PDB file of N, CA and C in Angstrom:
ATOM      1  N   MET A   1     -58.429-114.782-136.768  1.00  0.00           N
ATOM      2  CA  MET A   1     -58.616-113.460-137.165  1.00  0.00           C
ATOM      3  C   MET A   1     -60.026-113.379-137.838  1.00  0.00           C
ATOM      4  N   LYS A   2     -61.001-112.441-137.456  1.00  0.00           N
ATOM      5  CA  LYS A   2     -62.196-112.360-138.161  1.00  0.00           C
ATOM      6  C   LYS A   2     -62.432-110.834-138.647  1.00  0.00           C
ATOM      7  N   ARG A   3     -62.843-110.834-139.887  1.00  0.00           N
ATOM      8  CA  ARG A   3     -63.018-109.529-140.490  1.00  0.00           C
ATOM      9  C   ARG A   3     -64.372-109.030-140.188  1.00  0.00           C
ATOM     10  N   TYR A   4     -64.639-107.808-139.900  1.00  0.00           N
ATOM     11  CA  TYR A   4     -65.976-107.094-139.758  1.00  0.00           C
ATOM     12  C   TYR A   4     -66.131-105.941-140.668  1.00  0.00           C
ATOM     13  N   GLY A   5     -67.270-105.878-141.267  1.00  0.00           N
ATOM     14  CA  GLY A   5     -67.763-104.736-142.046  1.00  0.00           C
ATOM     15  C   GLY A   5     -68.941-104.226-141.447  1.00  0.00           C
ATOM     16  N   MET A   6     -69.054-102.839-141.433  1.00  0.00           N
ATOM     17  CA  MET A   6     -70.319-102.179-140.762  1.00  0.00           C
ATOM     18  C   MET A   6     -70.572-100.954-141.533  1.00  0.00           C
ATOM     19  N   VAL A   7     -71.743-100.415-141.382  1.00  0.00           N
ATOM     20  CA  VAL A   7     -72.205 -99.276-142.154  1.00  0.00           C
ATOM     21  C   VAL A   7     -73.148 -98.504-141.204  1.00  0.00           C
ATOM     22  N   ILE A   8     -73.059 -97.059-141.412  1.00  0.00           N
ATOM     23  CA  ILE A   8     -74.050 -96.270-140.733  1.00  0.00           C
ATOM     24  C   ILE A   8     -73.952 -94.948-141.704  1.00  0.00           C
ATOM     25  N   ARG A   9     -75.136 -94.241-141.464  1.00  0.00           N
ATOM     26  CA  ARG A   9     -75.189 -92.955-142.366  1.00  0.00           C
ATOM     27  C   ARG A   9     -74.492 -91.871-141.645  1.00  0.00           C
ATOM     28  N   LEU A  10     -73.965 -90.992-142.350  1.00  0.00           N
ATOM     29  CA  LEU A  10     -73.275 -89.693-141.897  1.00  0.00           C
ATOM     30  C   LEU A  10     -74.224 -88.536-142.216  1.00  0.00           C
ATOM     31  N   ARG A  11     -74.667 -87.777-141.295  1.00  0.00           N
ATOM     32  CA  ARG A  11     -75.546 -86.731-141.565  1.00  0.00           C
ATOM     33  C   ARG A  11     -74.718 -85.710-142.428  1.00  0.00           C
ATOM     34  N   PRO A  12     -75.248 -85.291-143.620  1.00  0.00           N
ATOM     35  CA  PRO A  12     -74.477 -84.590-144.729  1.00  0.00           C
ATOM     36  C   PRO A  12     -73.882 -83.226-144.057  1.00  0.00           C
ATOM     37  N   GLU A  13     -74.525 -82.650-143.160  1.00  0.00           N
ATOM     38  CA  GLU A  13     -74.104 -81.341-142.818  1.00  0.00           C
ATOM     39  C   GLU A  13     -72.866 -81.655-141.787  1.00  0.00           C
ATOM     40  N   HIS A  14     -72.619 -82.717-141.359  1.00  0.00           N
ATOM     41  CA  HIS A  14     -71.369 -83.055-140.574  1.00  0.00           C
ATOM     42  C   HIS A  14     -70.191 -83.557-141.175  1.00  0.00           C
ATOM     43  N   GLU A  15     -70.315 -83.749-142.519  1.00  0.00           N
ATOM     44  CA  GLU A  15     -69.128 -84.410-143.209  1.00  0.00           C
ATOM     45  C   GLU A  15     -67.700 -83.689-143.004  1.00  0.00           C
ATOM     46  N   GLU A  16     -67.724 -82.449-142.949  1.00  0.00           N
ATOM     47  CA  GLU A  16     -66.410 -81.672-142.847  1.00  0.00           C
ATOM     48  C   GLU A  16     -66.018 -81.943-141.400  1.00  0.00           C
ATOM     49  N   ALA A  17     -66.838 -81.791-140.413  1.00  0.00           N
ATOM     50  CA  ALA A  17     -66.399 -82.028-139.032  1.00  0.00           C
ATOM     51  C   ALA A  17     -65.989 -83.463-138.698  1.00  0.00           C
ATOM     52  N   TYR A  18     -66.657 -84.364-139.479  1.00  0.00           N
ATOM     53  CA  TYR A  18     -66.296 -85.790-139.338  1.00  0.00           C
ATOM     54  C   TYR A  18     -64.905 -86.103-139.822  1.00  0.00           C
ATOM     55  N   ARG A  19     -64.641 -85.510-141.046  1.00  0.00           N
ATOM     56  CA  ARG A  19     -63.292 -85.676-141.692  1.00  0.00           C
ATOM     57  C   ARG A  19     -62.240 -85.023-140.789  1.00  0.00           C
ATOM     58  N   VAL A  20     -62.546 -83.765-140.322  1.00  0.00           N
ATOM     59  CA  VAL A  20     -61.397 -83.260-139.541  1.00  0.00           C
ATOM     60  C   VAL A  20     -61.127 -83.826-138.229  1.00  0.00           C
ATOM     61  N   SER A  21     -62.185 -84.407-137.572  1.00  0.00           N
ATOM     62  CA  SER A  21     -62.128 -85.273-136.301  1.00  0.00           C
ATOM     63  C   SER A  21     -61.335 -86.423-136.585  1.00  0.00           C
ATOM     64  N   HIS A  22     -61.509 -87.077-137.728  1.00  0.00           N
ATOM     65  CA  HIS A  22     -60.924 -88.366-137.881  1.00  0.00           C
ATOM     66  C   HIS A  22     -59.426 -88.194-138.489  1.00  0.00           C
ATOM     67  N   ALA A  23     -59.106 -86.959-138.724  1.00  0.00           N
ATOM     68  CA  ALA A  23     -57.692 -86.616-139.127  1.00  0.00           C
ATOM     69  C   ALA A  23     -56.806 -86.565-137.929  1.00  0.00           C
ATOM     70  N   ALA A  24     -57.488 -86.502-136.700  1.00  0.00           N
ATOM     71  CA  ALA A  24     -56.813 -86.274-135.334  1.00  0.00           C
ATOM     72  C   ALA A  24     -57.456 -87.132-134.375  1.00  0.00           C
ATOM     73  N   VAL A  25     -57.662 -88.455-134.516  1.00  0.00           N
ATOM     74  CA  VAL A  25     -58.304 -89.278-133.495  1.00  0.00           C
ATOM     75  C   VAL A  25     -57.411 -89.115-132.172  1.00  0.00           C
ATOM     76  N   PRO A  26     -57.968 -88.958-131.176  1.00  0.00           N
ATOM     77  CA  PRO A  26     -57.244 -88.952-129.777  1.00  0.00           C
ATOM     78  C   PRO A  26     -56.471 -90.242-129.535  1.00  0.00           C
ATOM     79  N   GLU A  27     -55.352 -90.081-129.032  1.00  0.00           N
ATOM     80  CA  GLU A  27     -54.405 -91.184-128.851  1.00  0.00           C
ATOM     81  C   GLU A  27     -55.131 -92.306-127.791  1.00  0.00           C
ATOM     82  N   GLY A  28     -55.837 -91.697-126.795  1.00  0.00           N
ATOM     83  CA  GLY A  28     -56.461 -92.667-125.987  1.00  0.00           C
ATOM     84  C   GLY A  28     -57.431 -93.552-126.659  1.00  0.00           C
ATOM     85  N   VAL A  29     -58.133 -93.047-127.595  1.00  0.00           N
ATOM     86  CA  VAL A  29     -59.039 -93.862-128.318  1.00  0.00           C
ATOM     87  C   VAL A  29     -58.310 -94.896-129.279  1.00  0.00           C
ATOM     88  N   LEU A  30     -57.149 -94.438-129.875  1.00  0.00           N
ATOM     89  CA  LEU A  30     -56.491 -95.388-130.589  1.00  0.00           C
ATOM     90  C   LEU A  30     -55.783 -96.606-129.782  1.00  0.00           C
ATOM     91  N   ARG A  31     -55.341 -96.184-128.667  1.00  0.00           N
ATOM     92  CA  ARG A  31     -54.886 -97.124-127.740  1.00  0.00           C
ATOM     93  C   ARG A  31     -56.001 -98.239-127.281  1.00  0.00           C
ATOM     94  N   THR A  32     -57.068 -97.737-126.990  1.00  0.00           N
ATOM     95  CA  THR A  32     -58.233 -98.632-126.797  1.00  0.00           C
ATOM     96  C   THR A  32     -58.548 -99.591-127.787  1.00  0.00           C
ATOM     97  N   ILE A  33     -58.758 -99.036-129.069  1.00  0.00           N
ATOM     98  CA  ILE A  33     -58.958 -99.856-130.136  1.00  0.00           C
ATOM     99  C   ILE A  33     -57.843-100.988-130.280  1.00  0.00           C
ATOM    100  N   HIS A  34     -56.726-100.635-130.033  1.00  0.00           N
ATOM    101  CA  HIS A  34     -55.623-101.733-130.205  1.00  0.00           C
ATOM    102  C   HIS A  34     -55.746-102.637-129.018  1.00  0.00           C
ATOM    103  N   ALA A  35     -56.001-102.059-127.774  1.00  0.00           N
ATOM    104  CA  ALA A  35     -56.071-102.915-126.663  1.00  0.00           C
ATOM    105  C   ALA A  35     -57.293-103.965-126.693  1.00  0.00           C
ATOM    106  N   CYS A  36     -58.204-103.562-127.575  1.00  0.00           N
ATOM    107  CA  CYS A  36     -59.504-104.415-127.747  1.00  0.00           C
ATOM    108  C   CYS A  36     -59.343-105.346-128.929  1.00  0.00           C
ATOM    109  N   ASN A  37     -58.042-105.621-129.389  1.00  0.00           N
ATOM    110  CA  ASN A  37     -57.734-106.619-130.388  1.00  0.00           C
ATOM    111  C   ASN A  37     -58.344-106.211-131.748  1.00  0.00           C
ATOM    112  N   ILE A  38     -58.352-104.956-132.145  1.00  0.00           N
ATOM    113  CA  ILE A  38     -58.822-104.594-133.476  1.00  0.00           C
ATOM    114  C   ILE A  38     -57.546-104.091-134.147  1.00  0.00           C
ATOM    115  N   ARG A  39     -57.418-104.604-135.399  1.00  0.00           N
ATOM    116  CA  ARG A  39     -56.380-104.270-136.279  1.00  0.00           C
ATOM    117  C   ARG A  39     -56.919-103.873-137.686  1.00  0.00           C
ATOM    118  N   ASN A  40     -56.047-103.219-138.377  1.00  0.00           N
ATOM    119  CA  ASN A  40     -56.491-102.836-139.789  1.00  0.00           C
ATOM    120  C   ASN A  40     -57.834-102.231-139.998  1.00  0.00           C
ATOM    121  N   TYR A  41     -58.063-101.220-139.070  1.00  0.00           N
ATOM    122  CA  TYR A  41     -59.312-100.466-139.062  1.00  0.00           C
ATOM    123  C   TYR A  41     -59.461 -99.413-140.133  1.00  0.00           C
ATOM    124  N   SER A  42     -60.414 -99.393-140.881  1.00  0.00           N
ATOM    125  CA  SER A  42     -60.597 -98.298-141.882  1.00  0.00           C
ATOM    126  C   SER A  42     -62.096 -97.885-141.912  1.00  0.00           C
ATOM    127  N   ILE A  43     -62.217 -96.765-142.262  1.00  0.00           N
ATOM    128  CA  ILE A  43     -63.691 -96.005-142.440  1.00  0.00           C
ATOM    129  C   ILE A  43     -63.620 -95.389-143.785  1.00  0.00           C
ATOM    130  N   PHE A  44     -64.569 -95.718-144.719  1.00  0.00           N
ATOM    131  CA  PHE A  44     -64.740 -95.122-146.017  1.00  0.00           C
ATOM    132  C   PHE A  44     -66.029 -94.300-146.035  1.00  0.00           C
ATOM    133  N   LEU A  45     -66.027 -93.297-146.921  1.00  0.00           N
ATOM    134  CA  LEU A  45     -67.217 -92.450-146.937  1.00  0.00           C
ATOM    135  C   LEU A  45     -67.609 -92.334-148.365  1.00  0.00           C
ATOM    136  N   ARG A  46     -69.012 -92.554-148.708  1.00  0.00           N
ATOM    137  CA  ARG A  46     -69.472 -92.323-150.003  1.00  0.00           C
ATOM    138  C   ARG A  46     -71.033 -91.935-149.859  1.00  0.00           C
ATOM    139  N   ASN A  47     -71.349 -90.851-150.524  1.00  0.00           N
ATOM    140  CA  ASN A  47     -72.837 -90.447-150.549  1.00  0.00           C
ATOM    141  C   ASN A  47     -73.352 -90.375-149.167  1.00  0.00           C
ATOM    142  N   SER A  48     -72.689 -89.907-148.230  1.00  0.00           N
ATOM    143  CA  SER A  48     -73.230 -89.752-146.746  1.00  0.00           C
ATOM    144  C   SER A  48     -73.410 -91.170-146.126  1.00  0.00           C
ATOM    145  N   VAL A  49     -72.743 -92.142-146.592  1.00  0.00           N
ATOM    146  CA  VAL A  49     -72.704 -93.320-145.816  1.00  0.00           C
ATOM    147  C   VAL A  49     -71.272 -93.877-145.614  1.00  0.00           C
ATOM    148  N   LEU A  50     -71.114 -94.092-144.324  1.00  0.00           N
ATOM    149  CA  LEU A  50     -69.750 -94.591-143.765  1.00  0.00           C
ATOM    150  C   LEU A  50     -69.752 -96.054-143.798  1.00  0.00           C
ATOM    151  N   TYR A  51     -68.613 -96.722-144.215  1.00  0.00           N
ATOM    152  CA  TYR A  51     -68.368 -98.082-144.382  1.00  0.00           C
ATOM    153  C   TYR A  51     -67.204 -98.268-143.412  1.00  0.00           C
ATOM    154  N   GLY A  52     -67.290 -99.175-142.425  1.00  0.00           N
ATOM    155  CA  GLY A  52     -66.172 -99.468-141.598  1.00  0.00           C
ATOM    156  C   GLY A  52     -65.732-100.806-141.843  1.00  0.00           C
ATOM    157  N   TYR A  53     -64.440-101.062-141.768  1.00  0.00           N
ATOM    158  CA  TYR A  53     -63.819-102.320-141.849  1.00  0.00           C
ATOM    159  C   TYR A  53     -62.714-102.539-140.718  1.00  0.00           C
ATOM    160  N   PHE A  54     -62.710-103.723-140.045  1.00  0.00           N
ATOM    161  CA  PHE A  54     -61.549-104.045-139.229  1.00  0.00           C
ATOM    162  C   PHE A  54     -61.444-105.581-139.158  1.00  0.00           C
ATOM    163  N   GLU A  55     -60.306-105.842-138.520  1.00  0.00           N
ATOM    164  CA  GLU A  55     -60.013-107.289-138.277  1.00  0.00           C
ATOM    165  C   GLU A  55     -59.761-107.471-136.773  1.00  0.00           C
ATOM    166  N   TYR A  56     -60.547-108.546-136.330  1.00  0.00           N
ATOM    167  CA  TYR A  56     -60.446-108.617-134.909  1.00  0.00           C
ATOM    168  C   TYR A  56     -59.573-109.957-134.599  1.00  0.00           C
ATOM    169  N   ILE A  57     -58.600-109.840-133.775  1.00  0.00           N
ATOM    170  CA  ILE A  57     -57.654-110.874-133.468  1.00  0.00           C
ATOM    171  C   ILE A  57     -57.762-111.518-132.137  1.00  0.00           C
ATOM    172  N   GLY A  58     -58.792-111.110-131.349  1.00  0.00           N
ATOM    173  CA  GLY A  58     -59.016-111.572-129.999  1.00  0.00           C
ATOM    174  C   GLY A  58     -59.857-112.887-129.951  1.00  0.00           C
ATOM    175  N   SER A  59     -60.198-113.234-128.648  1.00  0.00           N
ATOM    176  CA  SER A  59     -60.953-114.552-128.625  1.00  0.00           C
ATOM    177  C   SER A  59     -62.333-114.255-127.994  1.00  0.00           C
ATOM    178  N   ASP A  60     -62.469-113.063-127.524  1.00  0.00           N
ATOM    179  CA  ASP A  60     -63.934-112.802-126.837  1.00  0.00           C
ATOM    180  C   ASP A  60     -64.272-111.456-127.266  1.00  0.00           C
ATOM    181  N   TYR A  61     -64.963-111.464-128.354  1.00  0.00           N
ATOM    182  CA  TYR A  61     -65.446-110.180-129.037  1.00  0.00           C
ATOM    183  C   TYR A  61     -66.332-109.234-128.126  1.00  0.00           C
ATOM    184  N   ALA A  62     -67.278-109.954-127.516  1.00  0.00           N
ATOM    185  CA  ALA A  62     -68.167-109.372-126.585  1.00  0.00           C
ATOM    186  C   ALA A  62     -67.493-108.744-125.415  1.00  0.00           C
ATOM    187  N   ALA A  63     -66.485-109.366-124.899  1.00  0.00           N
ATOM    188  CA  ALA A  63     -65.783-108.738-123.753  1.00  0.00           C
ATOM    189  C   ALA A  63     -64.914-107.554-124.151  1.00  0.00           C
ATOM    190  N   ASP A  64     -64.306-107.678-125.286  1.00  0.00           N
ATOM    191  CA  ASP A  64     -63.539-106.502-125.882  1.00  0.00           C
ATOM    192  C   ASP A  64     -64.356-105.428-126.287  1.00  0.00           C
ATOM    193  N   MET A  65     -65.524-105.633-126.781  1.00  0.00           N
ATOM    194  CA  MET A  65     -66.477-104.492-127.068  1.00  0.00           C
ATOM    195  C   MET A  65     -67.058-103.840-125.783  1.00  0.00           C
ATOM    196  N   ALA A  66     -67.239-104.585-124.781  1.00  0.00           N
ATOM    197  CA  ALA A  66     -67.581-104.051-123.476  1.00  0.00           C
ATOM    198  C   ALA A  66     -66.455-103.147-122.834  1.00  0.00           C
ATOM    199  N   LYS A  67     -65.236-103.688-122.991  1.00  0.00           N
ATOM    200  CA  LYS A  67     -64.076-102.995-122.484  1.00  0.00           C
ATOM    201  C   LYS A  67     -64.066-101.636-123.206  1.00  0.00           C
ATOM    202  N   MET A  68     -64.096-101.772-124.609  1.00  0.00           N
ATOM    203  CA  MET A  68     -64.103-100.415-125.334  1.00  0.00           C
ATOM    204  C   MET A  68     -65.173 -99.411-124.818  1.00  0.00           C
ATOM    205  N   ALA A  69     -66.347 -99.852-124.718  1.00  0.00           N
ATOM    206  CA  ALA A  69     -67.388 -99.064-124.190  1.00  0.00           C
ATOM    207  C   ALA A  69     -67.316 -98.522-122.849  1.00  0.00           C
ATOM    208  N   ALA A  70     -66.576 -99.185-122.107  1.00  0.00           N
ATOM    209  CA  ALA A  70     -66.318 -98.662-120.676  1.00  0.00           C
ATOM    210  C   ALA A  70     -65.190 -97.679-120.573  1.00  0.00           C
ATOM    211  N   ASP A  71     -64.488 -97.512-121.633  1.00  0.00           N
ATOM    212  CA  ASP A  71     -63.251 -96.636-121.650  1.00  0.00           C
ATOM    213  C   ASP A  71     -63.704 -95.132-121.741  1.00  0.00           C
ATOM    214  N   PRO A  72     -63.274 -94.380-120.769  1.00  0.00           N
ATOM    215  CA  PRO A  72     -63.639 -92.951-120.742  1.00  0.00           C
ATOM    216  C   PRO A  72     -63.263 -92.161-121.933  1.00  0.00           C
ATOM    217  N   ALA A  73     -62.061 -92.353-122.550  1.00  0.00           N
ATOM    218  CA  ALA A  73     -61.699 -91.612-123.772  1.00  0.00           C
ATOM    219  C   ALA A  73     -62.614 -91.985-124.929  1.00  0.00           C
ATOM    220  N   THR A  74     -62.906 -93.279-125.023  1.00  0.00           N
ATOM    221  CA  THR A  74     -63.836 -93.724-126.095  1.00  0.00           C
ATOM    222  C   THR A  74     -65.220 -93.186-125.887  1.00  0.00           C
ATOM    223  N   GLN A  75     -65.719 -93.146-124.676  1.00  0.00           N
ATOM    224  CA  GLN A  75     -67.020 -92.506-124.372  1.00  0.00           C
ATOM    225  C   GLN A  75     -67.120 -91.075-124.819  1.00  0.00           C
ATOM    226  N   ASP A  76     -66.002 -90.378-124.556  1.00  0.00           N
ATOM    227  CA  ASP A  76     -65.979 -88.956-124.969  1.00  0.00           C
ATOM    228  C   ASP A  76     -65.994 -88.872-126.406  1.00  0.00           C
ATOM    229  N   TRP A  77     -65.263 -89.691-127.077  1.00  0.00           N
ATOM    230  CA  TRP A  77     -65.162 -89.621-128.635  1.00  0.00           C
ATOM    231  C   TRP A  77     -66.553 -90.036-129.136  1.00  0.00           C
ATOM    232  N   TRP A  78     -67.231 -91.012-128.666  1.00  0.00           N
ATOM    233  CA  TRP A  78     -68.493 -91.395-129.190  1.00  0.00           C
ATOM    234  C   TRP A  78     -69.531 -90.287-128.978  1.00  0.00           C
ATOM    235  N   ALA A  79     -69.342 -89.616-127.815  1.00  0.00           N
ATOM    236  CA  ALA A  79     -70.278 -88.410-127.568  1.00  0.00           C
ATOM    237  C   ALA A  79     -70.241 -87.341-128.633  1.00  0.00           C
ATOM    238  N   ILE A  80     -69.045 -87.284-129.340  1.00  0.00           N
ATOM    239  CA  ILE A  80     -68.780 -86.201-130.330  1.00  0.00           C
ATOM    240  C   ILE A  80     -69.262 -86.791-131.649  1.00  0.00           C
ATOM    241  N   MET A  81     -69.033 -88.079-131.783  1.00  0.00           N
ATOM    242  CA  MET A  81     -69.382 -88.684-133.081  1.00  0.00           C
ATOM    243  C   MET A  81     -70.761 -89.112-133.314  1.00  0.00           C
ATOM    244  N   GLU A  82     -71.485 -89.504-132.238  1.00  0.00           N
ATOM    245  CA  GLU A  82     -72.903 -89.912-132.463  1.00  0.00           C
ATOM    246  C   GLU A  82     -73.806 -88.941-132.979  1.00  0.00           C
ATOM    247  N   PRO A  83     -73.762 -87.719-132.579  1.00  0.00           N
ATOM    248  CA  PRO A  83     -74.702 -86.795-133.272  1.00  0.00           C
ATOM    249  C   PRO A  83     -74.530 -86.565-134.681  1.00  0.00           C
ATOM    250  N   MET A  84     -73.347 -86.826-135.259  1.00  0.00           N
ATOM    251  CA  MET A  84     -73.062 -86.712-136.651  1.00  0.00           C
ATOM    252  C   MET A  84     -73.548 -87.923-137.392  1.00  0.00           C
ATOM    253  N   GLN A  85     -73.997 -88.994-136.914  1.00  0.00           N
ATOM    254  CA  GLN A  85     -74.324 -90.293-137.450  1.00  0.00           C
ATOM    255  C   GLN A  85     -75.901 -90.487-137.260  1.00  0.00           C
ATOM    256  N   GLU A  86     -76.350 -91.371-138.218  1.00  0.00           N
ATOM    257  CA  GLU A  86     -77.707 -91.837-138.210  1.00  0.00           C
ATOM    258  C   GLU A  86     -77.678 -93.224-138.378  1.00  0.00           C
ATOM    259  N   PRO A  87     -77.831 -94.022-137.354  1.00  0.00           N
ATOM    260  CA  PRO A  87     -77.833 -95.569-137.428  1.00  0.00           C
ATOM    261  C   PRO A  87     -78.971 -96.006-138.287  1.00  0.00           C
ATOM    262  N   TYR A  88     -78.758 -97.208-138.910  1.00  0.00           N
ATOM    263  CA  TYR A  88     -79.809 -97.842-139.620  1.00  0.00           C
ATOM    264  C   TYR A  88     -80.879 -98.514-138.600  1.00  0.00           C
ATOM    265  N   PRO A  89     -82.137 -98.208-138.861  1.00  0.00           N
ATOM    266  CA  PRO A  89     -83.158 -98.769-137.773  1.00  0.00           C
ATOM    267  C   PRO A  89     -83.191-100.361-137.727  1.00  0.00           C
ATOM    268  N   ASP A  90     -82.650-101.110-138.689  1.00  0.00           N
ATOM    269  CA  ASP A  90     -82.733-102.576-138.609  1.00  0.00           C
ATOM    270  C   ASP A  90     -81.295-103.128-138.177  1.00  0.00           C
ATOM    271  N   ARG A  91     -80.473-102.281-137.571  1.00  0.00           N
ATOM    272  CA  ARG A  91     -79.277-102.837-136.943  1.00  0.00           C
ATOM    273  C   ARG A  91     -79.479-103.819-135.788  1.00  0.00           C
ATOM    274  N   ASP A  92     -78.597-104.577-135.377  1.00  0.00           N
ATOM    275  CA  ASP A  92     -78.751-105.410-134.254  1.00  0.00           C
ATOM    276  C   ASP A  92     -78.925-104.752-133.013  1.00  0.00           C
ATOM    277  N   HIS A  93     -79.871-105.324-132.015  1.00  0.00           N
ATOM    278  CA  HIS A  93     -80.012-104.628-130.713  1.00  0.00           C
ATOM    279  C   HIS A  93     -78.765-104.417-130.096  1.00  0.00           C
ATOM    280  N   GLY A  94     -78.580-103.231-129.600  1.00  0.00           N
ATOM    281  CA  GLY A  94     -77.393-102.887-128.711  1.00  0.00           C
ATOM    282  C   GLY A  94     -76.146-102.503-129.540  1.00  0.00           C
ATOM    283  N   THR A  95     -76.372-102.281-130.817  1.00  0.00           N
ATOM    284  CA  THR A  95     -75.318-101.772-131.530  1.00  0.00           C
ATOM    285  C   THR A  95     -75.570-100.473-132.248  1.00  0.00           C
ATOM    286  N   TRP A  96     -74.572 -99.689-132.690  1.00  0.00           N
ATOM    287  CA  TRP A  96     -74.762 -98.390-133.328  1.00  0.00           C
ATOM    288  C   TRP A  96     -74.652 -98.547-134.790  1.00  0.00           C
ATOM    289  N   TRP A  97     -73.375 -99.085-135.174  1.00  0.00           N
ATOM    290  CA  TRP A  97     -73.216 -99.329-136.506  1.00  0.00           C
ATOM    291  C   TRP A  97     -73.903-100.733-136.924  1.00  0.00           C
ATOM    292  N   ALA A  98     -74.526-100.795-138.137  1.00  0.00           N
ATOM    293  CA  ALA A  98     -75.101-102.112-138.559  1.00  0.00           C
ATOM    294  C   ALA A  98     -73.971-102.956-139.121  1.00  0.00           C
ATOM    295  N   LEU A  99     -73.937-104.261-138.720  1.00  0.00           N
ATOM    296  CA  LEU A  99     -72.793-105.161-139.262  1.00  0.00           C
ATOM    297  C   LEU A  99     -73.339-105.577-140.622  1.00  0.00           C
ATOM    298  N   MET A 100     -72.400-105.763-141.441  1.00  0.00           N
ATOM    299  CA  MET A 100     -72.661-106.229-142.863  1.00  0.00           C
ATOM    300  C   MET A 100     -72.031-107.728-142.918  1.00  0.00           C
ATOM    301  N   ASP A 101     -72.744-108.620-143.801  1.00  0.00           N
ATOM    302  CA  ASP A 101     -72.213-109.938-144.108  1.00  0.00           C
ATOM    303  C   ASP A 101     -71.122-109.862-145.121  1.00  0.00           C
ATOM    304  N   GLU A 102     -70.240-110.642-144.932  1.00  0.00           N
ATOM    305  CA  GLU A 102     -69.127-110.908-145.802  1.00  0.00           C
ATOM    306  C   GLU A 102     -69.515-111.769-146.864  1.00  0.00           C
ATOM    307  N   VAL A 103     -69.530-111.348-148.137  1.00  0.00           N
ATOM    308  CA  VAL A 103     -69.923-112.337-149.217  1.00  0.00           C
ATOM    309  C   VAL A 103     -68.806-112.742-150.181  1.00  0.00           C
ATOM    310  N   PHE A 104     -67.609-112.166-150.013  1.00  0.00           N
ATOM    311  CA  PHE A 104     -66.581-112.492-150.856  1.00  0.00           C
ATOM    312  C   PHE A 104     -65.223-111.981-150.139  1.00  0.00           C
ATOM    313  N   HIS A 105     -64.184-112.795-150.230  1.00  0.00           N
ATOM    314  CA  HIS A 105     -62.815-112.483-149.780  1.00  0.00           C
ATOM    315  C   HIS A 105     -61.887-113.172-150.447  1.00  0.00           C
ATOM    316  N   THR A 106     -60.815-112.685-150.879  1.00  0.00           N
ATOM    317  CA  THR A 106     -59.654-113.242-151.467  1.00  0.00           C
ATOM    318  C   THR A 106     -58.326-112.646-150.837  1.00  0.00           C
ATOM    319  N   ASP A 107     -57.328-113.428-150.742  1.00  0.00           N
ATOM    320  CA  ASP A 107     -56.050-112.844-150.277  1.00  0.00           C
ATOM    321  C   ASP A 107     -55.113-112.772-151.472  1.00  0.00           C
TER     322      ASP A 107
END
């Protein structure tokens, strides 16, 4: 299992819509997240910054992320979410959220 942390800005005028949307994530999107070997997924919000965390239990992260990106329900969800977000310009090429380095962990 590998832990991932990521960050993106939330456009402040979309905070309410973002919260409402995430209170009822479509089942198809949730199924795809699970099918792509993501567990324990959380998103936190502070001062218009979204912090995401999840645990990846698969063996081919790139393939699972490609599978997720090809899913029609996920594509529809992203089309709704992306205008609400403002990615960091220094994120990795081909990513929307910027990955963070894990600097501490304890169980």
